[in-house]
Every structure is written in structure tokens, then in C-alpha cells.
Amino acid sequence: MNIKASFAAVLLGAGMIAAPVAVLAQGPGAYGRPGQPRGWDAPPREYTRAIQQKGFRDGMYGAQKDFENHRRPTVMNRDEYRNYRGPDVRGYRQAFQRGYNAWWQHQGPGPRR
């Protein structure tokens, strides 16, 4: 076997090993598969209604935006929370707050950027 073929075989073999390892290192998707553990950013299982799931996701997104914009971590910073006028205002806001807090807790202590 010549050197080019040997080199190609080594690269191909390394790629076949590295690709699955990279996928496994990422862990399960955010929402996990049925019967599998769910990611930290998945809406809680008790949030069965779409509005609760939306509130949770909106809360996580809002917390991330507050972090990126160097705002204090409070749901009252978020127009989505204060001005929500859709169905089930209480359910949406509770889920929003839980998602917001979950994002900040996952972020952990440390200096803010």
C-alpha cells in the first residue's frame, strides 16, 4: 500500500471514530427521547399544556437575553412576562418564571460578562 492510501485509511478511520464520539459527548437533546432523561432546559413533565411549555421556553430565552445584555436577573425585566395578555395568564407567568429561574440556576455562580 502506498503512503497516500495509508494516510487516507488512517484519516477515514479516525473520522469514523471521532464523529460518533462527538455526538455522544453532546448528550441527549434538550427534550430527550421518551423514557430517557430530559435535558436541564426541557419544560417540566407536569407542563402538559402548550401555553405552559411556551411560558417556560420564553422564560429561558428571556433569562439568556438579560444575561447577554448585562441586566439584573429578574422576570420583571421582561416585557413578555409583564405584558402577556393571552390565555391563562397565571399559568404562562408561573411557567415563565420557572424557566427564567432554571436558566439562571444552570448558569451558576460567577462573574457576569
PDB file of N, CA and C in Angstrom:
ATOM      1  N   MET A   1       0.855  -1.174   0.000  1.00  0.00           N
ATOM      2  CA  MET A   1       0.000   0.000   0.000  1.00  0.00           C
ATOM      3  C   MET A   1       0.896   1.231   0.000  1.00  0.00           C
ATOM      4  N   ASN A   2       0.573   2.189  -0.834  1.00  0.00           N
ATOM      5  CA  ASN A   2       1.432   3.372  -0.894  1.00  0.00           C
ATOM      6  C   ASN A   2       1.093   4.332   0.252  1.00  0.00           C
ATOM      7  N   ILE A   3       1.887   5.355   0.399  1.00  0.00           N
ATOM      8  CA  ILE A   3       1.762   6.285   1.521  1.00  0.00           C
ATOM      9  C   ILE A   3       0.450   7.060   1.464  1.00  0.00           C
ATOM     10  N   LYS A   4       0.033   7.496   0.286  1.00  0.00           N
ATOM     11  CA  LYS A   4      -1.226   8.242   0.176  1.00  0.00           C
ATOM     12  C   LYS A   4      -2.413   7.393   0.606  1.00  0.00           C
ATOM     13  N   ALA A   5      -2.431   6.150   0.195  1.00  0.00           N
ATOM     14  CA  ALA A   5      -3.525   5.252   0.557  1.00  0.00           C
ATOM     15  C   ALA A   5      -3.519   4.969   2.057  1.00  0.00           C
ATOM     16  N   SER A   6      -2.333   4.797   2.623  1.00  0.00           N
ATOM     17  CA  SER A   6      -2.226   4.565   4.064  1.00  0.00           C
ATOM     18  C   SER A   6      -2.720   5.769   4.845  1.00  0.00           C
ATOM     19  N   PHE A   7      -2.311   6.933   4.412  1.00  0.00           N
ATOM     20  CA  PHE A   7      -2.723   8.168   5.075  1.00  0.00           C
ATOM     21  C   PHE A   7      -4.246   8.350   4.990  1.00  0.00           C
ATOM     22  N   ALA A   8      -4.806   8.084   3.816  1.00  0.00           N
ATOM     23  CA  ALA A   8      -6.259   8.194   3.627  1.00  0.00           C
ATOM     24  C   ALA A   8      -6.993   7.209   4.523  1.00  0.00           C
ATOM     25  N   ALA A   9      -6.471   5.997   4.659  1.00  0.00           N
ATOM     26  CA  ALA A   9      -7.111   4.987   5.502  1.00  0.00           C
ATOM     27  C   ALA A   9      -7.095   5.406   6.971  1.00  0.00           C
ATOM     28  N   VAL A  10      -5.985   5.995   7.407  1.00  0.00           N
ATOM     29  CA  VAL A  10      -5.883   6.466   8.793  1.00  0.00           C
ATOM     30  C   VAL A  10      -6.874   7.607   9.039  1.00  0.00           C
ATOM     31  N   LEU A  11      -6.956   8.551   8.117  1.00  0.00           N
ATOM     32  CA  LEU A  11      -7.898   9.663   8.273  1.00  0.00           C
ATOM     33  C   LEU A  11      -9.340   9.182   8.285  1.00  0.00           C
ATOM     34  N   LEU A  12      -9.654   8.255   7.408  1.00  0.00           N
ATOM     35  CA  LEU A  12     -11.007   7.718   7.351  1.00  0.00           C
ATOM     36  C   LEU A  12     -11.353   7.006   8.654  1.00  0.00           C
ATOM     37  N   GLY A  13     -10.434   6.208   9.148  1.00  0.00           N
ATOM     38  CA  GLY A  13     -10.663   5.500  10.413  1.00  0.00           C
ATOM     39  C   GLY A  13     -10.833   6.462  11.578  1.00  0.00           C
ATOM     40  N   ALA A  14     -10.013   7.494  11.615  1.00  0.00           N
ATOM     41  CA  ALA A  14     -10.116   8.480  12.691  1.00  0.00           C
ATOM     42  C   ALA A  14     -11.449   9.217  12.622  1.00  0.00           C
ATOM     43  N   GLY A  15     -11.881   9.520  11.414  1.00  0.00           N
ATOM     44  CA  GLY A  15     -13.167  10.205  11.241  1.00  0.00           C
ATOM     45  C   GLY A  15     -14.333   9.343  11.671  1.00  0.00           C
ATOM     46  N   MET A  16     -14.234   8.038  11.427  1.00  0.00           N
ATOM     47  CA  MET A  16     -15.316   7.134  11.803  1.00  0.00           C
ATOM     48  C   MET A  16     -15.405   6.983  13.315  1.00  0.00           C
ATOM     49  N   ILE A  17     -14.316   7.172  14.008  1.00  0.00           N
ATOM     50  CA  ILE A  17     -14.315   7.096  15.465  1.00  0.00           C
ATOM     51  C   ILE A  17     -14.686   8.449  16.074  1.00  0.00           C
ATOM     52  N   ALA A  18     -14.145   9.527  15.549  1.00  0.00           N
ATOM     53  CA  ALA A  18     -14.337  10.851  16.136  1.00  0.00           C
ATOM     54  C   ALA A  18     -15.768  11.355  16.004  1.00  0.00           C
ATOM     55  N   ALA A  19     -16.425  11.082  14.891  1.00  0.00           N
ATOM     56  CA  ALA A  19     -17.779  11.602  14.679  1.00  0.00           C
ATOM     57  C   ALA A  19     -18.772  11.069  15.717  1.00  0.00           C
ATOM     58  N   PRO A  20     -18.846   9.744  15.944  1.00  0.00           N
ATOM     59  CA  PRO A  20     -19.789   9.272  16.963  1.00  0.00           C
ATOM     60  C   PRO A  20     -19.428   9.756  18.364  1.00  0.00           C
ATOM     61  N   VAL A  21     -18.143   9.865  18.659  1.00  0.00           N
ATOM     62  CA  VAL A  21     -17.725  10.349  19.975  1.00  0.00           C
ATOM     63  C   VAL A  21     -18.188  11.777  20.180  1.00  0.00           C
ATOM     64  N   ALA A  22     -18.089  12.606  19.161  1.00  0.00           N
ATOM     65  CA  ALA A  22     -18.534  13.993  19.274  1.00  0.00           C
ATOM     66  C   ALA A  22     -20.037  14.073  19.512  1.00  0.00           C
ATOM     67  N   VAL A  23     -20.797  13.231  18.852  1.00  0.00           N
ATOM     68  CA  VAL A  23     -22.252  13.226  19.041  1.00  0.00           C
ATOM     69  C   VAL A  23     -22.592  12.760  20.447  1.00  0.00           C
ATOM     70  N   LEU A  24     -21.940  11.721  20.928  1.00  0.00           N
ATOM     71  CA  LEU A  24     -22.208  11.226  22.270  1.00  0.00           C
ATOM     72  C   LEU A  24     -21.816  12.238  23.336  1.00  0.00           C
ATOM     73  N   ALA A  25     -20.771  12.992  23.108  1.00  0.00           N
ATOM     74  CA  ALA A  25     -20.306  13.974  24.085  1.00  0.00           C
ATOM     75  C   ALA A  25     -21.323  15.096  24.284  1.00  0.00           C
ATOM     76  N   GLN A  26     -22.169  15.335  23.283  1.00  0.00           N
ATOM     77  CA  GLN A  26     -23.163  16.390  23.403  1.00  0.00           C
ATOM     78  C   GLN A  26     -24.307  15.983  24.303  1.00  0.00           C
ATOM     79  N   GLY A  27     -24.476  14.706  24.566  1.00  0.00           N
ATOM     80  CA  GLY A  27     -25.550  14.235  25.423  1.00  0.00           C
ATOM     81  C   GLY A  27     -26.869  14.210  24.677  1.00  0.00           C
ATOM     82  N   PRO A  28     -27.947  13.871  25.401  1.00  0.00           N
ATOM     83  CA  PRO A  28     -29.249  13.814  24.744  1.00  0.00           C
ATOM     84  C   PRO A  28     -29.706  15.205  24.357  1.00  0.00           C
ATOM     85  N   GLY A  29     -30.637  15.269  23.437  1.00  0.00           N
ATOM     86  CA  GLY A  29     -31.199  16.548  23.028  1.00  0.00           C
ATOM     87  C   GLY A  29     -31.860  17.240  24.196  1.00  0.00           C
ATOM     88  N   ALA A  30     -32.165  18.487  24.022  1.00  0.00           N
ATOM     89  CA  ALA A  30     -32.745  19.278  25.098  1.00  0.00           C
ATOM     90  C   ALA A  30     -34.003  18.639  25.663  1.00  0.00           C
ATOM     91  N   TYR A  31     -34.789  18.025  24.815  1.00  0.00           N
ATOM     92  CA  TYR A  31     -36.048  17.471  25.286  1.00  0.00           C
ATOM     93  C   TYR A  31     -35.985  15.967  25.491  1.00  0.00           C
ATOM     94  N   GLY A  32     -34.869  15.341  25.170  1.00  0.00           N
ATOM     95  CA  GLY A  32     -34.695  13.916  25.409  1.00  0.00           C
ATOM     96  C   GLY A  32     -35.664  13.070  24.594  1.00  0.00           C
ATOM     97  N   ARG A  33     -35.492  11.771  24.655  1.00  0.00           N
ATOM     98  CA  ARG A  33     -36.396  10.841  23.987  1.00  0.00           C
ATOM     99  C   ARG A  33     -37.348  10.278  25.033  1.00  0.00           C
ATOM    100  N   PRO A  34     -38.509   9.789  24.612  1.00  0.00           N
ATOM    101  CA  PRO A  34     -39.445   9.206  25.588  1.00  0.00           C
ATOM    102  C   PRO A  34     -38.768   8.116  26.401  1.00  0.00           C
ATOM    103  N   GLY A  35     -38.947   8.159  27.693  1.00  0.00           N
ATOM    104  CA  GLY A  35     -38.347   7.171  28.576  1.00  0.00           C
ATOM    105  C   GLY A  35     -36.901   7.457  28.935  1.00  0.00           C
ATOM    106  N   GLN A  36     -36.323   8.480  28.349  1.00  0.00           N
ATOM    107  CA  GLN A  36     -34.928   8.841  28.606  1.00  0.00           C
ATOM    108  C   GLN A  36     -34.897  10.088  29.486  1.00  0.00           C
ATOM    109  N   PRO A  37     -33.785  10.301  30.175  1.00  0.00           N
ATOM    110  CA  PRO A  37     -33.665  11.540  30.950  1.00  0.00           C
ATOM    111  C   PRO A  37     -33.793  12.750  30.031  1.00  0.00           C
ATOM    112  N   ARG A  38     -34.364  13.800  30.543  1.00  0.00           N
ATOM    113  CA  ARG A  38     -34.554  15.010  29.756  1.00  0.00           C
ATOM    114  C   ARG A  38     -33.464  16.001  30.100  1.00  0.00           C
ATOM    115  N   GLY A  39     -33.204  16.912  29.186  1.00  0.00           N
ATOM    116  CA  GLY A  39     -32.183  17.929  29.397  1.00  0.00           C
ATOM    117  C   GLY A  39     -32.622  18.946  30.445  1.00  0.00           C
ATOM    118  N   TRP A  40     -31.681  19.660  30.969  1.00  0.00           N
ATOM    119  CA  TRP A  40     -31.972  20.645  32.009  1.00  0.00           C
ATOM    120  C   TRP A  40     -32.897  21.743  31.493  1.00  0.00           C
ATOM    121  N   ASP A  41     -32.904  21.975  30.193  1.00  0.00           N
ATOM    122  CA  ASP A  41     -33.692  23.065  29.634  1.00  0.00           C
ATOM    123  C   ASP A  41     -35.038  22.608  29.070  1.00  0.00           C
ATOM    124  N   ALA A  42     -35.418  21.376  29.346  1.00  0.00           N
ATOM    125  CA  ALA A  42     -36.720  20.881  28.888  1.00  0.00           C
ATOM    126  C   ALA A  42     -37.809  21.350  29.845  1.00  0.00           C
ATOM    127  N   PRO A  43     -38.975  21.701  29.321  1.00  0.00           N
ATOM    128  CA  PRO A  43     -40.081  22.052  30.214  1.00  0.00           C
ATOM    129  C   PRO A  43     -40.392  20.877  31.137  1.00  0.00           C
ATOM    130  N   PRO A  44     -40.744  21.138  32.376  1.00  0.00           N
ATOM    131  CA  PRO A  44     -41.081  20.047  33.302  1.00  0.00           C
ATOM    132  C   PRO A  44     -42.211  19.187  32.749  1.00  0.00           C
ATOM    133  N   ARG A  45     -42.212  17.927  33.100  1.00  0.00           N
ATOM    134  CA  ARG A  45     -43.226  16.997  32.594  1.00  0.00           C
ATOM    135  C   ARG A  45     -44.640  17.408  32.985  1.00  0.00           C
ATOM    136  N   GLU A  46     -44.777  18.070  34.125  1.00  0.00           N
ATOM    137  CA  GLU A  46     -46.131  18.471  34.540  1.00  0.00           C
ATOM    138  C   GLU A  46     -46.699  19.604  33.686  1.00  0.00           C
ATOM    139  N   TYR A  47     -45.867  20.216  32.868  1.00  0.00           N
ATOM    140  CA  TYR A  47     -46.351  21.253  31.945  1.00  0.00           C
ATOM    141  C   TYR A  47     -46.864  20.558  30.689  1.00  0.00           C
ATOM    142  N   THR A  48     -48.104  20.126  30.750  1.00  0.00           N
ATOM    143  CA  THR A  48     -48.688  19.373  29.642  1.00  0.00           C
ATOM    144  C   THR A  48     -49.375  20.278  28.628  1.00  0.00           C
ATOM    145  N   ARG A  49     -49.715  21.477  29.033  1.00  0.00           N
ATOM    146  CA  ARG A  49     -50.394  22.391  28.112  1.00  0.00           C
ATOM    147  C   ARG A  49     -49.369  23.214  27.336  1.00  0.00           C
ATOM    148  N   ALA A  50     -49.712  23.507  26.103  1.00  0.00           N
ATOM    149  CA  ALA A  50     -48.801  24.237  25.217  1.00  0.00           C
ATOM    150  C   ALA A  50     -48.442  25.599  25.792  1.00  0.00           C
ATOM    151  N   ILE A  51     -49.390  26.270  26.436  1.00  0.00           N
ATOM    152  CA  ILE A  51     -49.110  27.614  26.965  1.00  0.00           C
ATOM    153  C   ILE A  51     -48.079  27.557  28.094  1.00  0.00           C
ATOM    154  N   GLN A  52     -48.105  26.493  28.888  1.00  0.00           N
ATOM    155  CA  GLN A  52     -47.104  26.339  29.945  1.00  0.00           C
ATOM    156  C   GLN A  52     -45.724  26.079  29.343  1.00  0.00           C
ATOM    157  N   GLN A  53     -45.678  25.234  28.332  1.00  0.00           N
ATOM    158  CA  GLN A  53     -44.404  24.938  27.684  1.00  0.00           C
ATOM    159  C   GLN A  53     -43.838  26.180  27.011  1.00  0.00           C
ATOM    160  N   LYS A  54     -44.718  26.959  26.390  1.00  0.00           N
ATOM    161  CA  LYS A  54     -44.282  28.212  25.762  1.00  0.00           C
ATOM    162  C   LYS A  54     -43.754  29.177  26.815  1.00  0.00           C
ATOM    163  N   GLY A  55     -44.465  29.306  27.929  1.00  0.00           N
ATOM    164  CA  GLY A  55     -44.013  30.191  29.002  1.00  0.00           C
ATOM    165  C   GLY A  55     -42.643  29.792  29.523  1.00  0.00           C
ATOM    166  N   PHE A  56     -42.432  28.502  29.712  1.00  0.00           N
ATOM    167  CA  PHE A  56     -41.139  28.012  30.204  1.00  0.00           C
ATOM    168  C   PHE A  56     -40.028  28.354  29.221  1.00  0.00           C
ATOM    169  N   ARG A  57     -40.266  28.057  27.931  1.00  0.00           N
ATOM    170  CA  ARG A  57     -39.242  28.360  26.912  1.00  0.00           C
ATOM    171  C   ARG A  57     -39.003  29.866  26.794  1.00  0.00           C
ATOM    172  N   ASP A  58     -40.076  30.651  26.850  1.00  0.00           N
ATOM    173  CA  ASP A  58     -39.915  32.106  26.791  1.00  0.00           C
ATOM    174  C   ASP A  58     -39.113  32.618  27.983  1.00  0.00           C
ATOM    175  N   GLY A  59     -39.331  32.028  29.154  1.00  0.00           N
ATOM    176  CA  GLY A  59     -38.572  32.413  30.344  1.00  0.00           C
ATOM    177  C   GLY A  59     -37.089  32.115  30.197  1.00  0.00           C
ATOM    178  N   MET A  60     -36.782  30.957  29.638  1.00  0.00           N
ATOM    179  CA  MET A  60     -35.367  30.613  29.434  1.00  0.00           C
ATOM    180  C   MET A  60     -34.726  31.574  28.438  1.00  0.00           C
ATOM    181  N   TYR A  61     -35.439  31.865  27.367  1.00  0.00           N
ATOM    182  CA  TYR A  61     -34.918  32.791  26.364  1.00  0.00           C
ATOM    183  C   TYR A  61     -34.740  34.187  26.963  1.00  0.00           C
ATOM    184  N   GLY A  62     -35.710  34.617  27.761  1.00  0.00           N
ATOM    185  CA  GLY A  62     -35.623  35.936  28.390  1.00  0.00           C
ATOM    186  C   GLY A  62     -34.442  36.044  29.343  1.00  0.00           C
ATOM    187  N   ALA A  63     -34.195  34.985  30.115  1.00  0.00           N
ATOM    188  CA  ALA A  63     -33.055  34.986  31.036  1.00  0.00           C
ATOM    189  C   ALA A  63     -31.743  35.084  30.266  1.00  0.00           C
ATOM    190  N   GLN A  64     -31.668  34.350  29.169  1.00  0.00           N
ATOM    191  CA  GLN A  64     -30.452  34.403  28.354  1.00  0.00           C
ATOM    192  C   GLN A  64     -30.241  35.808  27.798  1.00  0.00           C
ATOM    193  N   LYS A  65     -31.307  36.443  27.350  1.00  0.00           N
ATOM    194  CA  LYS A  65     -31.198  37.808  26.819  1.00  0.00           C
ATOM    195  C   LYS A  65     -30.780  38.784  27.921  1.00  0.00           C
ATOM    196  N   ASP A  66     -31.332  38.627  29.121  1.00  0.00           N
ATOM    197  CA  ASP A  66     -30.924  39.501  30.229  1.00  0.00           C
ATOM    198  C   ASP A  66     -29.443  39.322  30.533  1.00  0.00           C
ATOM    199  N   PHE A  67     -28.970  38.095  30.500  1.00  0.00           N
ATOM    200  CA  PHE A  67     -27.553  37.828  30.735  1.00  0.00           C
ATOM    201  C   PHE A  67     -26.694  38.500  29.668  1.00  0.00           C
ATOM    202  N   GLU A  68     -27.084  38.302  28.402  1.00  0.00           N
ATOM    203  CA  GLU A  68     -26.307  38.874  27.303  1.00  0.00           C
ATOM    204  C   GLU A  68     -26.276  40.396  27.341  1.00  0.00           C
ATOM    205  N   ASN A  69     -27.342  41.004  27.854  1.00  0.00           N
ATOM    206  CA  ASN A  69     -27.428  42.466  27.906  1.00  0.00           C
ATOM    207  C   ASN A  69     -27.042  43.031  29.272  1.00  0.00           C
ATOM    208  N   HIS A  70     -26.474  42.186  30.119  1.00  0.00           N
ATOM    209  CA  HIS A  70     -25.959  42.600  31.437  1.00  0.00           C
ATOM    210  C   HIS A  70     -27.050  43.224  32.311  1.00  0.00           C
ATOM    211  N   ARG A  71     -28.249  42.664  32.236  1.00  0.00           N
ATOM    212  CA  ARG A  71     -29.344  43.138  33.093  1.00  0.00           C
ATOM    213  C   ARG A  71     -29.411  42.312  34.362  1.00  0.00           C
ATOM    214  N   ARG A  72     -29.997  42.919  35.391  1.00  0.00           N
ATOM    215  CA  ARG A  72     -30.208  42.177  36.635  1.00  0.00           C
ATOM    216  C   ARG A  72     -31.156  41.015  36.367  1.00  0.00           C
ATOM    217  N   PRO A  73     -30.961  39.885  37.043  1.00  0.00           N
ATOM    218  CA  PRO A  73     -31.830  38.726  36.812  1.00  0.00           C
ATOM    219  C   PRO A  73     -33.166  38.844  37.548  1.00  0.00           C
ATOM    220  N   THR A  74     -34.141  39.415  36.892  1.00  0.00           N
ATOM    221  CA  THR A  74     -35.495  39.473  37.434  1.00  0.00           C
ATOM    222  C   THR A  74     -36.498  39.378  36.293  1.00  0.00           C
ATOM    223  N   VAL A  75     -37.549  38.604  36.496  1.00  0.00           N
ATOM    224  CA  VAL A  75     -38.541  38.438  35.436  1.00  0.00           C
ATOM    225  C   VAL A  75     -39.220  39.759  35.094  1.00  0.00           C
ATOM    226  N   MET A  76     -39.190  40.697  36.016  1.00  0.00           N
ATOM    227  CA  MET A  76     -39.832  41.984  35.755  1.00  0.00           C
ATOM    228  C   MET A  76     -39.088  42.789  34.683  1.00  0.00           C
ATOM    229  N   ASN A  77     -37.906  42.353  34.288  1.00  0.00           N
ATOM    230  CA  ASN A  77     -37.197  42.982  33.168  1.00  0.00           C
ATOM    231  C   ASN A  77     -37.851  42.646  31.837  1.00  0.00           C
ATOM    232  N   ARG A  78     -38.650  41.587  31.827  1.00  0.00           N
ATOM    233  CA  ARG A  78     -39.128  41.028  30.571  1.00  0.00           C
ATOM    234  C   ARG A  78     -40.531  41.515  30.223  1.00  0.00           C
ATOM    235  N   ASP A  79     -40.641  42.157  29.073  1.00  0.00           N
ATOM    236  CA  ASP A  79     -41.949  42.583  28.577  1.00  0.00           C
ATOM    237  C   ASP A  79     -42.866  41.385  28.366  1.00  0.00           C
ATOM    238  N   GLU A  80     -42.290  40.254  27.933  1.00  0.00           N
ATOM    239  CA  GLU A  80     -43.098  39.066  27.681  1.00  0.00           C
ATOM    240  C   GLU A  80     -43.825  38.628  28.949  1.00  0.00           C
ATOM    241  N   TYR A  81     -43.192  38.780  30.082  1.00  0.00           N
ATOM    242  CA  TYR A  81     -43.790  38.400  31.361  1.00  0.00           C
ATOM    243  C   TYR A  81     -44.806  39.450  31.815  1.00  0.00           C
ATOM    244  N   ARG A  82     -44.397  40.696  31.822  1.00  0.00           N
ATOM    245  CA  ARG A  82     -45.265  41.773  32.341  1.00  0.00           C
ATOM    246  C   ARG A  82     -46.488  42.010  31.477  1.00  0.00           C
ATOM    247  N   ASN A  83     -46.323  41.916  30.165  1.00  0.00           N
ATOM    248  CA  ASN A  83     -47.394  42.324  29.256  1.00  0.00           C
ATOM    249  C   ASN A  83     -48.119  41.162  28.586  1.00  0.00           C
ATOM    250  N   TYR A  84     -47.953  39.960  29.069  1.00  0.00           N
ATOM    251  CA  TYR A  84     -48.617  38.823  28.437  1.00  0.00           C
ATOM    252  C   TYR A  84     -50.130  38.964  28.599  1.00  0.00           C
ATOM    253  N   ARG A  85     -50.860  38.858  27.489  1.00  0.00           N
ATOM    254  CA  ARG A  85     -52.313  39.027  27.514  1.00  0.00           C
ATOM    255  C   ARG A  85     -53.044  37.848  26.884  1.00  0.00           C
ATOM    256  N   GLY A  86     -52.379  36.739  26.687  1.00  0.00           N
ATOM    257  CA  GLY A  86     -53.004  35.581  26.059  1.00  0.00           C
ATOM    258  C   GLY A  86     -53.829  34.775  27.046  1.00  0.00           C
ATOM    259  N   PRO A  87     -54.188  33.554  26.650  1.00  0.00           N
ATOM    260  CA  PRO A  87     -54.965  32.688  27.542  1.00  0.00           C
ATOM    261  C   PRO A  87     -54.131  32.236  28.740  1.00  0.00           C
ATOM    262  N   ASP A  88     -54.790  32.023  29.849  1.00  0.00           N
ATOM    263  CA  ASP A  88     -54.170  31.507  31.077  1.00  0.00           C
ATOM    264  C   ASP A  88     -52.932  32.307  31.489  1.00  0.00           C
ATOM    265  N   VAL A  89     -53.169  33.546  31.831  1.00  0.00           N
ATOM    266  CA  VAL A  89     -52.074  34.444  32.223  1.00  0.00           C
ATOM    267  C   VAL A  89     -51.297  33.867  33.405  1.00  0.00           C
ATOM    268  N   ARG A  90     -51.990  33.352  34.395  1.00  0.00           N
ATOM    269  CA  ARG A  90     -51.319  32.815  35.589  1.00  0.00           C
ATOM    270  C   ARG A  90     -50.423  31.627  35.221  1.00  0.00           C
ATOM    271  N   GLY A  91     -50.929  30.690  34.425  1.00  0.00           N
ATOM    272  CA  GLY A  91     -50.135  29.518  34.026  1.00  0.00           C
ATOM    273  C   GLY A  91     -48.913  29.918  33.217  1.00  0.00           C
ATOM    274  N   TYR A  92     -49.090  30.855  32.296  1.00  0.00           N
ATOM    275  CA  TYR A  92     -47.961  31.320  31.478  1.00  0.00           C
ATOM    276  C   TYR A  92     -46.905  31.964  32.365  1.00  0.00           C
ATOM    277  N   ARG A  93     -47.329  32.846  33.250  1.00  0.00           N
ATOM    278  CA  ARG A  93     -46.357  33.560  34.095  1.00  0.00           C
ATOM    279  C   ARG A  93     -45.629  32.628  35.054  1.00  0.00           C
ATOM    280  N   GLN A  94     -46.347  31.661  35.627  1.00  0.00           N
ATOM    281  CA  GLN A  94     -45.677  30.703  36.521  1.00  0.00           C
ATOM    282  C   GLN A  94     -44.619  29.907  35.751  1.00  0.00           C
ATOM    283  N   ALA A  95     -44.980  29.460  34.563  1.00  0.00           N
ATOM    284  CA  ALA A  95     -44.038  28.691  33.746  1.00  0.00           C
ATOM    285  C   ALA A  95     -42.873  29.573  33.293  1.00  0.00           C
ATOM    286  N   PHE A  96     -43.170  30.818  32.926  1.00  0.00           N
ATOM    287  CA  PHE A  96     -42.127  31.754  32.510  1.00  0.00           C
ATOM    288  C   PHE A  96     -41.121  31.930  33.637  1.00  0.00           C
ATOM    289  N   GLN A  97     -41.630  32.174  34.836  1.00  0.00           N
ATOM    290  CA  GLN A  97     -40.742  32.399  35.977  1.00  0.00           C
ATOM    291  C   GLN A  97     -39.903  31.156  36.268  1.00  0.00           C
ATOM    292  N   ARG A  98     -40.508  29.990  36.156  1.00  0.00           N
ATOM    293  CA  ARG A  98     -39.752  28.758  36.408  1.00  0.00           C
ATOM    294  C   ARG A  98     -38.662  28.558  35.364  1.00  0.00           C
ATOM    295  N   GLY A  99     -38.959  28.831  34.101  1.00  0.00           N
ATOM    296  CA  GLY A  99     -37.952  28.719  33.053  1.00  0.00           C
ATOM    297  C   GLY A  99     -36.840  29.744  33.235  1.00  0.00           C
ATOM    298  N   TYR A 100     -37.232  30.950  33.602  1.00  0.00           N
ATOM    299  CA  TYR A 100     -36.265  32.032  33.831  1.00  0.00           C
ATOM    300  C   TYR A 100     -35.299  31.641  34.953  1.00  0.00           C
ATOM    301  N   ASN A 101     -35.867  31.170  36.060  1.00  0.00           N
ATOM    302  CA  ASN A 101     -35.035  30.771  37.207  1.00  0.00           C
ATOM    303  C   ASN A 101     -34.180  29.557  36.881  1.00  0.00           C
ATOM    304  N   ALA A 102     -34.718  28.606  36.120  1.00  0.00           N
ATOM    305  CA  ALA A 102     -33.943  27.414  35.751  1.00  0.00           C
ATOM    306  C   ALA A 102     -32.719  27.808  34.931  1.00  0.00           C
ATOM    307  N   TRP A 103     -32.880  28.762  34.023  1.00  0.00           N
ATOM    308  CA  TRP A 103     -31.741  29.193  33.208  1.00  0.00           C
ATOM    309  C   TRP A 103     -30.670  29.813  34.096  1.00  0.00           C
ATOM    310  N   TRP A 104     -31.066  30.694  35.000  1.00  0.00           N
ATOM    311  CA  TRP A 104     -30.080  31.349  35.866  1.00  0.00           C
ATOM    312  C   TRP A 104     -29.417  30.347  36.802  1.00  0.00           C
ATOM    313  N   GLN A 105     -30.175  29.378  37.320  1.00  0.00           N
ATOM    314  CA  GLN A 105     -29.565  28.374  38.190  1.00  0.00           C
ATOM    315  C   GLN A 105     -28.580  27.509  37.433  1.00  0.00           C
ATOM    316  N   HIS A 106     -28.901  27.201  36.190  1.00  0.00           N
ATOM    317  CA  HIS A 106     -27.974  26.407  35.383  1.00  0.00           C
ATOM    318  C   HIS A 106     -26.710  27.209  35.066  1.00  0.00           C
ATOM    319  N   GLN A 107     -26.858  28.500  34.922  1.00  0.00           N
ATOM    320  CA  GLN A 107     -25.722  29.364  34.604  1.00  0.00           C
ATOM    321  C   GLN A 107     -24.692  29.297  35.735  1.00  0.00           C
ATOM    322  N   GLY A 108     -25.171  29.156  36.969  1.00  0.00           N
ATOM    323  CA  GLY A 108     -24.282  29.001  38.115  1.00  0.00           C
ATOM    324  C   GLY A 108     -23.680  30.323  38.571  1.00  0.00           C
ATOM    325  N   PRO A 109     -23.036  30.271  39.732  1.00  0.00           N
ATOM    326  CA  PRO A 109     -22.420  31.497  40.261  1.00  0.00           C
ATOM    327  C   PRO A 109     -21.182  31.865  39.458  1.00  0.00           C
ATOM    328  N   GLY A 110     -20.806  33.066  39.598  1.00  0.00           N
ATOM    329  CA  GLY A 110     -19.598  33.506  38.915  1.00  0.00           C
ATOM    330  C   GLY A 110     -19.784  34.897  38.360  1.00  0.00           C
ATOM    331  N   PRO A 111     -18.717  35.468  37.877  1.00  0.00           N
ATOM    332  CA  PRO A 111     -18.815  36.832  37.367  1.00  0.00           C
ATOM    333  C   PRO A 111     -19.687  36.892  36.113  1.00  0.00           C
ATOM    334  N   ARG A 112     -20.456  37.932  36.022  1.00  0.00           N
ATOM    335  CA  ARG A 112     -21.255  38.134  34.819  1.00  0.00           C
ATOM    336  C   ARG A 112     -20.377  38.782  33.770  1.00  0.00           C
ATOM    337  N   ARG A 113     -20.614  38.446  32.542  1.00  0.00           N
ATOM    338  CA  ARG A 113     -19.824  39.001  31.458  1.00  0.00           C
ATOM    339  C   ARG A 113     -20.082  40.472  31.283  1.00  0.00           C
TER     340      ARG A 113
END
